[in-house]
Amino acid sequence: MTIPDRLLKKFDTLFLDRDGVVNVWLPGDYVKNWGEFRFNAGFLDFIVRYSGSFKHIFIVTNQRGVGKGVMTQEQLEYIHSRMLDEISRAGGRIDHIYLCTATDNADPMRKPNTGMAQQAMCDYPDVCMERSLMIGDQPSDREFAANCGMEFLLWE
């Protein structure tokens, strides 16, 4: 995936979906342990290439499997820790992972609701939605971007 130059000049914050962008999505299932986690083809090259182009890079991810009891919070944290280690080892970076484990779609933190972006703006006061780009693979990612006032690119 390539981000057009016109967008690189316009945006300083990058939001990324996890399942389907960072890692291979398992339709009808959840990545429940590190053994099931596989980076998407091209993702590590992508994050290395663009890590220097953005002031902030965040992952925003719905992780309903924890809320359903399919996996534990500790398992999810371990997956994320290993994922961040691999990204760093490759030469890339992620500044923060925002996640929602709620099963209720009305939860303000659950995409496409704006809670994760609002939290990012609280944690990083220089983040501005008008200067943010969202890359995702699902309709909820596109809706999240629209609800937040961000530009959206489909991961391909």
N, C-alpha and C. Protein backbone atom coordinates (compact mmCIF):
# COMPACT_ATOMS: atom_id res chain seq x y z
N MET A 1 0.86 -1.18 0.00
CA MET A 1 0.00 0.00 0.00
C MET A 1 0.89 1.23 0.00
N THR A 2 0.49 2.20 -0.77
CA THR A 2 1.22 3.46 -0.86
C THR A 2 0.27 4.60 -0.50
N ILE A 3 0.74 5.51 0.32
CA ILE A 3 -0.01 6.72 0.63
C ILE A 3 0.39 7.78 -0.37
N PRO A 4 -0.58 8.35 -1.10
CA PRO A 4 -0.24 9.39 -2.09
C PRO A 4 0.49 10.57 -1.44
N ASP A 5 1.46 11.13 -2.16
CA ASP A 5 2.25 12.25 -1.65
C ASP A 5 1.39 13.41 -1.19
N ARG A 6 0.29 13.69 -1.90
CA ARG A 6 -0.58 14.81 -1.53
C ARG A 6 -1.14 14.63 -0.12
N LEU A 7 -1.35 13.37 0.29
CA LEU A 7 -1.86 13.11 1.64
C LEU A 7 -0.74 13.17 2.67
N LEU A 8 0.45 12.74 2.30
CA LEU A 8 1.58 12.82 3.23
C LEU A 8 1.86 14.26 3.63
N LYS A 9 1.67 15.18 2.71
CA LYS A 9 1.91 16.59 2.99
C LYS A 9 0.80 17.20 3.85
N LYS A 10 -0.38 16.60 3.78
CA LYS A 10 -1.57 17.16 4.43
C LYS A 10 -1.76 16.67 5.87
N PHE A 11 -1.31 15.45 6.16
CA PHE A 11 -1.62 14.83 7.45
C PHE A 11 -0.38 14.57 8.29
N ASP A 12 -0.53 14.74 9.62
CA ASP A 12 0.60 14.46 10.51
C ASP A 12 0.30 13.33 11.50
N THR A 13 -0.92 12.81 11.47
CA THR A 13 -1.30 11.72 12.37
C THR A 13 -1.93 10.60 11.55
N LEU A 14 -1.52 9.38 11.85
CA LEU A 14 -2.02 8.20 11.15
C LEU A 14 -2.70 7.28 12.15
N PHE A 15 -3.95 6.93 11.84
CA PHE A 15 -4.70 5.94 12.60
C PHE A 15 -4.81 4.68 11.74
N LEU A 16 -4.55 3.53 12.34
CA LEU A 16 -4.60 2.25 11.62
C LEU A 16 -5.53 1.29 12.34
N ASP A 17 -6.35 0.59 11.57
CA ASP A 17 -7.09 -0.54 12.11
C ASP A 17 -6.09 -1.68 12.34
N ARG A 18 -6.41 -2.62 13.22
CA ARG A 18 -5.49 -3.74 13.42
C ARG A 18 -5.86 -4.93 12.52
N ASP A 19 -6.95 -5.64 12.86
CA ASP A 19 -7.31 -6.84 12.11
C ASP A 19 -7.70 -6.49 10.68
N GLY A 20 -6.95 -7.01 9.73
CA GLY A 20 -7.21 -6.72 8.32
C GLY A 20 -6.24 -5.70 7.74
N VAL A 21 -5.56 -4.94 8.60
CA VAL A 21 -4.56 -3.98 8.14
C VAL A 21 -3.19 -4.41 8.68
N VAL A 22 -3.03 -4.37 9.99
CA VAL A 22 -1.76 -4.77 10.58
C VAL A 22 -1.56 -6.27 10.43
N ASN A 23 -2.59 -7.02 10.77
CA ASN A 23 -2.50 -8.48 10.72
C ASN A 23 -3.61 -9.07 9.87
N VAL A 24 -3.42 -10.32 9.51
CA VAL A 24 -4.41 -11.05 8.74
C VAL A 24 -5.67 -11.22 9.58
N TRP A 25 -6.79 -10.85 9.01
CA TRP A 25 -8.09 -10.98 9.66
C TRP A 25 -8.54 -12.42 9.57
N LEU A 26 -9.08 -12.94 10.65
CA LEU A 26 -9.61 -14.31 10.68
C LEU A 26 -11.13 -14.22 10.67
N PRO A 27 -11.77 -14.28 9.50
CA PRO A 27 -13.24 -14.14 9.44
C PRO A 27 -13.93 -15.13 10.36
N GLY A 28 -14.83 -14.61 11.19
CA GLY A 28 -15.59 -15.44 12.10
C GLY A 28 -14.82 -15.91 13.32
N ASP A 29 -13.61 -15.41 13.51
CA ASP A 29 -12.79 -15.83 14.63
C ASP A 29 -11.98 -14.64 15.12
N TYR A 30 -11.22 -14.85 16.17
CA TYR A 30 -10.37 -13.83 16.75
C TYR A 30 -8.94 -14.34 16.82
N VAL A 31 -7.99 -13.44 16.68
CA VAL A 31 -6.59 -13.79 16.94
C VAL A 31 -6.50 -13.85 18.46
N LYS A 32 -6.39 -15.06 18.99
CA LYS A 32 -6.48 -15.28 20.43
C LYS A 32 -5.12 -15.46 21.11
N ASN A 33 -4.08 -15.69 20.32
CA ASN A 33 -2.74 -15.87 20.89
C ASN A 33 -1.72 -15.51 19.82
N TRP A 34 -0.47 -15.38 20.25
CA TRP A 34 0.58 -14.95 19.32
C TRP A 34 0.77 -15.94 18.18
N GLY A 35 0.54 -17.21 18.42
CA GLY A 35 0.69 -18.22 17.37
C GLY A 35 -0.29 -18.04 16.22
N GLU A 36 -1.41 -17.38 16.47
CA GLU A 36 -2.41 -17.12 15.42
C GLU A 36 -2.18 -15.79 14.72
N PHE A 37 -1.29 -14.97 15.25
CA PHE A 37 -1.06 -13.63 14.69
C PHE A 37 -0.12 -13.74 13.49
N ARG A 38 -0.52 -13.16 12.38
CA ARG A 38 0.31 -13.07 11.18
C ARG A 38 0.20 -11.65 10.63
N PHE A 39 1.35 -10.99 10.46
CA PHE A 39 1.32 -9.67 9.83
C PHE A 39 0.78 -9.79 8.41
N ASN A 40 -0.01 -8.80 8.01
CA ASN A 40 -0.47 -8.74 6.63
C ASN A 40 0.73 -8.58 5.71
N ALA A 41 0.64 -9.18 4.55
CA ALA A 41 1.69 -9.02 3.54
C ALA A 41 1.89 -7.54 3.27
N GLY A 42 3.11 -7.09 3.39
CA GLY A 42 3.44 -5.70 3.10
C GLY A 42 3.30 -4.75 4.27
N PHE A 43 2.70 -5.19 5.39
CA PHE A 43 2.50 -4.23 6.47
C PHE A 43 3.82 -3.76 7.09
N LEU A 44 4.72 -4.67 7.38
CA LEU A 44 5.97 -4.24 8.02
C LEU A 44 6.75 -3.28 7.11
N ASP A 45 6.78 -3.54 5.82
CA ASP A 45 7.44 -2.60 4.89
C ASP A 45 6.72 -1.26 4.91
N PHE A 46 5.40 -1.30 4.95
CA PHE A 46 4.58 -0.08 4.99
C PHE A 46 4.90 0.75 6.23
N ILE A 47 4.89 0.12 7.41
CA ILE A 47 5.09 0.89 8.64
C ILE A 47 6.52 1.41 8.74
N VAL A 48 7.47 0.67 8.24
CA VAL A 48 8.86 1.16 8.23
C VAL A 48 8.95 2.37 7.30
N ARG A 49 8.34 2.25 6.14
CA ARG A 49 8.41 3.33 5.14
C ARG A 49 7.80 4.63 5.66
N TYR A 50 6.68 4.52 6.40
CA TYR A 50 5.94 5.73 6.78
C TYR A 50 6.13 6.18 8.23
N SER A 51 6.90 5.46 9.00
CA SER A 51 7.09 5.85 10.41
C SER A 51 7.69 7.25 10.55
N GLY A 52 8.55 7.64 9.65
CA GLY A 52 9.14 8.97 9.71
C GLY A 52 8.29 10.06 9.10
N SER A 53 7.19 9.69 8.47
CA SER A 53 6.34 10.66 7.77
C SER A 53 5.24 11.24 8.65
N PHE A 54 4.98 10.62 9.79
CA PHE A 54 3.89 11.05 10.66
C PHE A 54 4.41 11.35 12.06
N LYS A 55 3.85 12.40 12.65
CA LYS A 55 4.20 12.77 14.01
C LYS A 55 3.68 11.72 15.00
N HIS A 56 2.49 11.21 14.73
CA HIS A 56 1.86 10.21 15.59
C HIS A 56 1.30 9.07 14.73
N ILE A 57 1.44 7.85 15.23
CA ILE A 57 0.85 6.68 14.58
C ILE A 57 0.15 5.86 15.66
N PHE A 58 -1.15 5.65 15.47
CA PHE A 58 -1.96 4.94 16.44
C PHE A 58 -2.66 3.76 15.79
N ILE A 59 -2.86 2.71 16.57
CA ILE A 59 -3.76 1.63 16.18
C ILE A 59 -5.05 1.83 16.95
N VAL A 60 -6.18 1.71 16.25
CA VAL A 60 -7.51 1.77 16.87
C VAL A 60 -8.20 0.46 16.51
N THR A 61 -8.57 -0.32 17.52
CA THR A 61 -9.04 -1.66 17.24
C THR A 61 -10.17 -2.10 18.18
N ASN A 62 -11.21 -2.64 17.60
CA ASN A 62 -12.26 -3.30 18.36
C ASN A 62 -11.78 -4.72 18.64
N GLN A 63 -11.83 -5.11 19.88
CA GLN A 63 -11.40 -6.46 20.28
C GLN A 63 -12.48 -7.11 21.13
N ARG A 64 -13.60 -7.38 20.49
CA ARG A 64 -14.78 -7.93 21.14
C ARG A 64 -14.53 -9.32 21.75
N GLY A 65 -13.52 -10.03 21.25
CA GLY A 65 -13.22 -11.36 21.77
C GLY A 65 -12.96 -11.37 23.26
N VAL A 66 -12.37 -10.30 23.78
CA VAL A 66 -12.14 -10.21 25.23
C VAL A 66 -13.47 -10.07 25.94
N GLY A 67 -14.31 -9.19 25.45
CA GLY A 67 -15.63 -8.99 26.07
C GLY A 67 -16.50 -10.23 26.02
N LYS A 68 -16.32 -11.04 25.01
CA LYS A 68 -17.09 -12.29 24.89
C LYS A 68 -16.48 -13.43 25.69
N GLY A 69 -15.30 -13.21 26.25
CA GLY A 69 -14.65 -14.26 27.02
C GLY A 69 -13.93 -15.30 26.18
N VAL A 70 -13.72 -15.01 24.91
CA VAL A 70 -13.01 -15.92 24.01
C VAL A 70 -11.51 -15.89 24.30
N MET A 71 -11.06 -14.77 24.82
CA MET A 71 -9.66 -14.58 25.18
C MET A 71 -9.61 -13.63 26.37
N THR A 72 -8.48 -13.57 27.03
CA THR A 72 -8.35 -12.68 28.19
C THR A 72 -7.67 -11.37 27.80
N GLN A 73 -7.81 -10.40 28.66
CA GLN A 73 -7.11 -9.12 28.49
C GLN A 73 -5.60 -9.35 28.46
N GLU A 74 -5.13 -10.27 29.28
CA GLU A 74 -3.70 -10.57 29.34
C GLU A 74 -3.21 -11.17 28.03
N GLN A 75 -4.00 -12.04 27.42
CA GLN A 75 -3.63 -12.61 26.12
C GLN A 75 -3.54 -11.50 25.07
N LEU A 76 -4.51 -10.60 25.08
CA LEU A 76 -4.50 -9.49 24.13
C LEU A 76 -3.29 -8.60 24.34
N GLU A 77 -2.98 -8.30 25.58
CA GLU A 77 -1.82 -7.47 25.87
C GLU A 77 -0.53 -8.14 25.41
N TYR A 78 -0.43 -9.44 25.56
CA TYR A 78 0.75 -10.17 25.11
C TYR A 78 0.87 -10.10 23.59
N ILE A 79 -0.23 -10.31 22.89
CA ILE A 79 -0.23 -10.19 21.42
C ILE A 79 0.26 -8.81 21.02
N HIS A 80 -0.28 -7.78 21.66
CA HIS A 80 0.11 -6.41 21.30
C HIS A 80 1.57 -6.13 21.64
N SER A 81 2.04 -6.65 22.75
CA SER A 81 3.44 -6.47 23.12
C SER A 81 4.36 -7.10 22.08
N ARG A 82 4.08 -8.31 21.69
CA ARG A 82 4.89 -8.99 20.67
C ARG A 82 4.79 -8.28 19.32
N MET A 83 3.60 -7.84 18.97
CA MET A 83 3.39 -7.12 17.71
C MET A 83 4.24 -5.85 17.69
N LEU A 84 4.20 -5.08 18.77
CA LEU A 84 4.99 -3.84 18.85
C LEU A 84 6.49 -4.14 18.80
N ASP A 85 6.91 -5.21 19.45
CA ASP A 85 8.33 -5.60 19.40
C ASP A 85 8.75 -5.90 17.97
N GLU A 86 7.94 -6.63 17.24
CA GLU A 86 8.26 -6.99 15.85
C GLU A 86 8.29 -5.75 14.96
N ILE A 87 7.35 -4.85 15.17
CA ILE A 87 7.31 -3.61 14.38
C ILE A 87 8.57 -2.78 14.67
N SER A 88 8.92 -2.66 15.92
CA SER A 88 10.12 -1.92 16.30
C SER A 88 11.38 -2.58 15.75
N ARG A 89 11.46 -3.88 15.85
CA ARG A 89 12.62 -4.62 15.34
C ARG A 89 12.79 -4.42 13.83
N ALA A 90 11.67 -4.27 13.13
CA ALA A 90 11.72 -4.05 11.68
C ALA A 90 12.12 -2.62 11.33
N GLY A 91 12.03 -1.70 12.33
CA GLY A 91 12.38 -0.31 12.09
C GLY A 91 11.19 0.62 12.03
N GLY A 92 10.01 0.13 12.39
CA GLY A 92 8.80 0.95 12.40
C GLY A 92 8.42 1.35 13.81
N ARG A 93 7.28 2.03 13.91
CA ARG A 93 6.82 2.45 15.23
C ARG A 93 5.30 2.60 15.26
N ILE A 94 4.76 2.34 16.42
CA ILE A 94 3.37 2.63 16.76
C ILE A 94 3.45 3.37 18.08
N ASP A 95 2.82 4.54 18.18
CA ASP A 95 2.92 5.34 19.40
C ASP A 95 1.96 4.88 20.49
N HIS A 96 0.82 4.36 20.10
CA HIS A 96 -0.15 3.93 21.11
C HIS A 96 -1.18 3.02 20.44
N ILE A 97 -1.70 2.09 21.21
CA ILE A 97 -2.81 1.24 20.76
C ILE A 97 -4.03 1.60 21.58
N TYR A 98 -5.09 2.00 20.90
CA TYR A 98 -6.38 2.25 21.54
C TYR A 98 -7.27 1.08 21.18
N LEU A 99 -7.98 0.57 22.19
CA LEU A 99 -8.81 -0.59 21.91
C LEU A 99 -10.10 -0.54 22.70
N CYS A 100 -11.06 -1.29 22.19
CA CYS A 100 -12.35 -1.43 22.86
C CYS A 100 -12.69 -2.90 22.90
N THR A 101 -12.92 -3.41 24.10
CA THR A 101 -13.28 -4.82 24.27
C THR A 101 -14.78 -5.00 24.49
N ALA A 102 -15.53 -3.91 24.50
CA ALA A 102 -16.97 -3.97 24.76
C ALA A 102 -17.69 -4.76 23.67
N THR A 103 -18.76 -5.41 24.06
CA THR A 103 -19.58 -6.14 23.08
C THR A 103 -20.75 -5.30 22.59
N ASP A 104 -21.05 -4.23 23.28
CA ASP A 104 -22.17 -3.35 22.95
C ASP A 104 -21.74 -2.32 21.91
N ASN A 105 -22.39 -2.34 20.76
CA ASN A 105 -22.04 -1.38 19.69
C ASN A 105 -22.27 0.06 20.10
N ALA A 106 -23.07 0.30 21.13
CA ALA A 106 -23.32 1.67 21.59
C ALA A 106 -22.19 2.20 22.47
N ASP A 107 -21.26 1.35 22.86
CA ASP A 107 -20.14 1.81 23.68
C ASP A 107 -19.41 2.92 22.94
N PRO A 108 -19.18 4.06 23.58
CA PRO A 108 -18.55 5.19 22.88
C PRO A 108 -17.14 4.91 22.37
N MET A 109 -16.46 3.92 22.95
CA MET A 109 -15.10 3.58 22.52
C MET A 109 -15.10 2.65 21.30
N ARG A 110 -16.22 2.02 21.01
CA ARG A 110 -16.27 1.03 19.94
C ARG A 110 -16.43 1.72 18.58
N LYS A 111 -15.52 1.39 17.64
CA LYS A 111 -15.69 1.92 16.29
C LYS A 111 -17.01 1.40 15.72
N PRO A 112 -17.74 2.22 15.02
CA PRO A 112 -17.37 3.51 14.42
C PRO A 112 -17.58 4.72 15.32
N ASN A 113 -17.89 4.52 16.60
CA ASN A 113 -18.00 5.65 17.52
C ASN A 113 -16.62 6.28 17.71
N THR A 114 -16.59 7.48 18.19
CA THR A 114 -15.37 8.30 18.15
C THR A 114 -14.51 8.24 19.41
N GLY A 115 -14.86 7.41 20.37
CA GLY A 115 -14.17 7.41 21.66
C GLY A 115 -12.67 7.21 21.59
N MET A 116 -12.21 6.31 20.73
CA MET A 116 -10.76 6.07 20.67
C MET A 116 -10.03 7.30 20.12
N ALA A 117 -10.62 7.98 19.16
CA ALA A 117 -10.00 9.21 18.63
C ALA A 117 -10.04 10.31 19.68
N GLN A 118 -11.13 10.41 20.41
CA GLN A 118 -11.23 11.41 21.48
C GLN A 118 -10.16 11.16 22.54
N GLN A 119 -9.94 9.88 22.87
CA GLN A 119 -8.92 9.55 23.85
C GLN A 119 -7.52 9.92 23.34
N ALA A 120 -7.29 9.67 22.05
CA ALA A 120 -5.99 10.04 21.47
C ALA A 120 -5.77 11.55 21.56
N MET A 121 -6.82 12.34 21.33
CA MET A 121 -6.68 13.80 21.43
C MET A 121 -6.43 14.24 22.87
N CYS A 122 -6.98 13.51 23.84
CA CYS A 122 -6.70 13.83 25.25
C CYS A 122 -5.26 13.47 25.61
N ASP A 123 -4.82 12.30 25.14
CA ASP A 123 -3.47 11.83 25.46
C ASP A 123 -2.38 12.60 24.72
N TYR A 124 -2.70 13.06 23.52
CA TYR A 124 -1.75 13.78 22.66
C TYR A 124 -2.45 15.07 22.21
N PRO A 125 -2.37 16.13 22.98
CA PRO A 125 -3.14 17.35 22.71
C PRO A 125 -2.88 18.00 21.35
N ASP A 126 -1.78 17.66 20.69
CA ASP A 126 -1.51 18.26 19.38
C ASP A 126 -2.19 17.50 18.24
N VAL A 127 -2.87 16.40 18.55
CA VAL A 127 -3.59 15.65 17.51
C VAL A 127 -4.84 16.43 17.11
N CYS A 128 -5.00 16.57 15.81
CA CYS A 128 -6.15 17.28 15.24
C CYS A 128 -6.78 16.36 14.19
N MET A 129 -8.07 16.16 14.28
CA MET A 129 -8.74 15.24 13.35
C MET A 129 -8.61 15.69 11.89
N GLU A 130 -8.60 16.99 11.67
CA GLU A 130 -8.48 17.49 10.29
C GLU A 130 -7.12 17.19 9.68
N ARG A 131 -6.13 16.89 10.53
CA ARG A 131 -4.79 16.54 10.05
C ARG A 131 -4.49 15.05 10.26
N SER A 132 -5.58 14.25 10.38
CA SER A 132 -5.43 12.82 10.65
C SER A 132 -5.96 11.99 9.49
N LEU A 133 -5.29 10.88 9.26
CA LEU A 133 -5.63 9.94 8.20
C LEU A 133 -5.91 8.58 8.84
N MET A 134 -7.00 7.95 8.44
CA MET A 134 -7.36 6.62 8.92
C MET A 134 -7.21 5.62 7.78
N ILE A 135 -6.53 4.51 8.06
CA ILE A 135 -6.44 3.42 7.09
C ILE A 135 -7.10 2.20 7.69
N GLY A 136 -8.07 1.66 6.98
CA GLY A 136 -8.81 0.50 7.46
C GLY A 136 -9.26 -0.37 6.32
N ASP A 137 -9.94 -1.46 6.67
CA ASP A 137 -10.40 -2.40 5.66
C ASP A 137 -11.90 -2.71 5.76
N GLN A 138 -12.57 -2.16 6.75
CA GLN A 138 -13.98 -2.48 6.99
C GLN A 138 -14.84 -1.22 6.90
N PRO A 139 -16.15 -1.40 6.63
CA PRO A 139 -17.05 -0.25 6.63
C PRO A 139 -17.02 0.52 7.96
N SER A 140 -16.85 -0.18 9.08
CA SER A 140 -16.81 0.51 10.38
C SER A 140 -15.59 1.43 10.47
N ASP A 141 -14.50 1.08 9.79
CA ASP A 141 -13.32 1.95 9.77
C ASP A 141 -13.61 3.23 8.98
N ARG A 142 -14.29 3.06 7.86
CA ARG A 142 -14.67 4.23 7.04
C ARG A 142 -15.62 5.13 7.83
N GLU A 143 -16.59 4.52 8.53
CA GLU A 143 -17.54 5.28 9.33
C GLU A 143 -16.83 6.00 10.48
N PHE A 144 -15.90 5.31 11.12
CA PHE A 144 -15.12 5.91 12.20
C PHE A 144 -14.42 7.17 11.69
N ALA A 145 -13.76 7.05 10.55
CA ALA A 145 -13.06 8.20 9.97
C ALA A 145 -14.04 9.35 9.70
N ALA A 146 -15.17 9.02 9.09
CA ALA A 146 -16.17 10.06 8.79
C ALA A 146 -16.70 10.70 10.07
N ASN A 147 -17.00 9.89 11.07
CA ASN A 147 -17.52 10.42 12.34
C ASN A 147 -16.51 11.32 13.05
N CYS A 148 -15.23 11.04 12.84
CA CYS A 148 -14.17 11.83 13.48
C CYS A 148 -13.73 13.03 12.64
N GLY A 149 -14.15 13.09 11.39
CA GLY A 149 -13.71 14.16 10.51
C GLY A 149 -12.34 13.92 9.92
N MET A 150 -11.97 12.64 9.76
CA MET A 150 -10.68 12.26 9.19
C MET A 150 -10.85 11.82 7.74
N GLU A 151 -9.78 11.91 7.01
CA GLU A 151 -9.68 11.30 5.67
C GLU A 151 -9.55 9.79 5.86
N PHE A 152 -10.04 9.01 4.90
CA PHE A 152 -9.97 7.55 4.97
C PHE A 152 -9.34 6.99 3.72
N LEU A 153 -8.47 5.98 3.93
CA LEU A 153 -7.92 5.19 2.83
C LEU A 153 -8.22 3.73 3.11
N LEU A 154 -8.62 3.02 2.08
CA LEU A 154 -8.86 1.59 2.18
C LEU A 154 -7.54 0.84 2.04
N TRP A 155 -7.24 -0.06 3.00
CA TRP A 155 -6.04 -0.87 2.94
C TRP A 155 -6.19 -1.83 1.78
N GLU A 156 -5.19 -1.81 0.91
CA GLU A 156 -5.22 -2.71 -0.26
C GLU A 156 -3.87 -3.35 -0.42
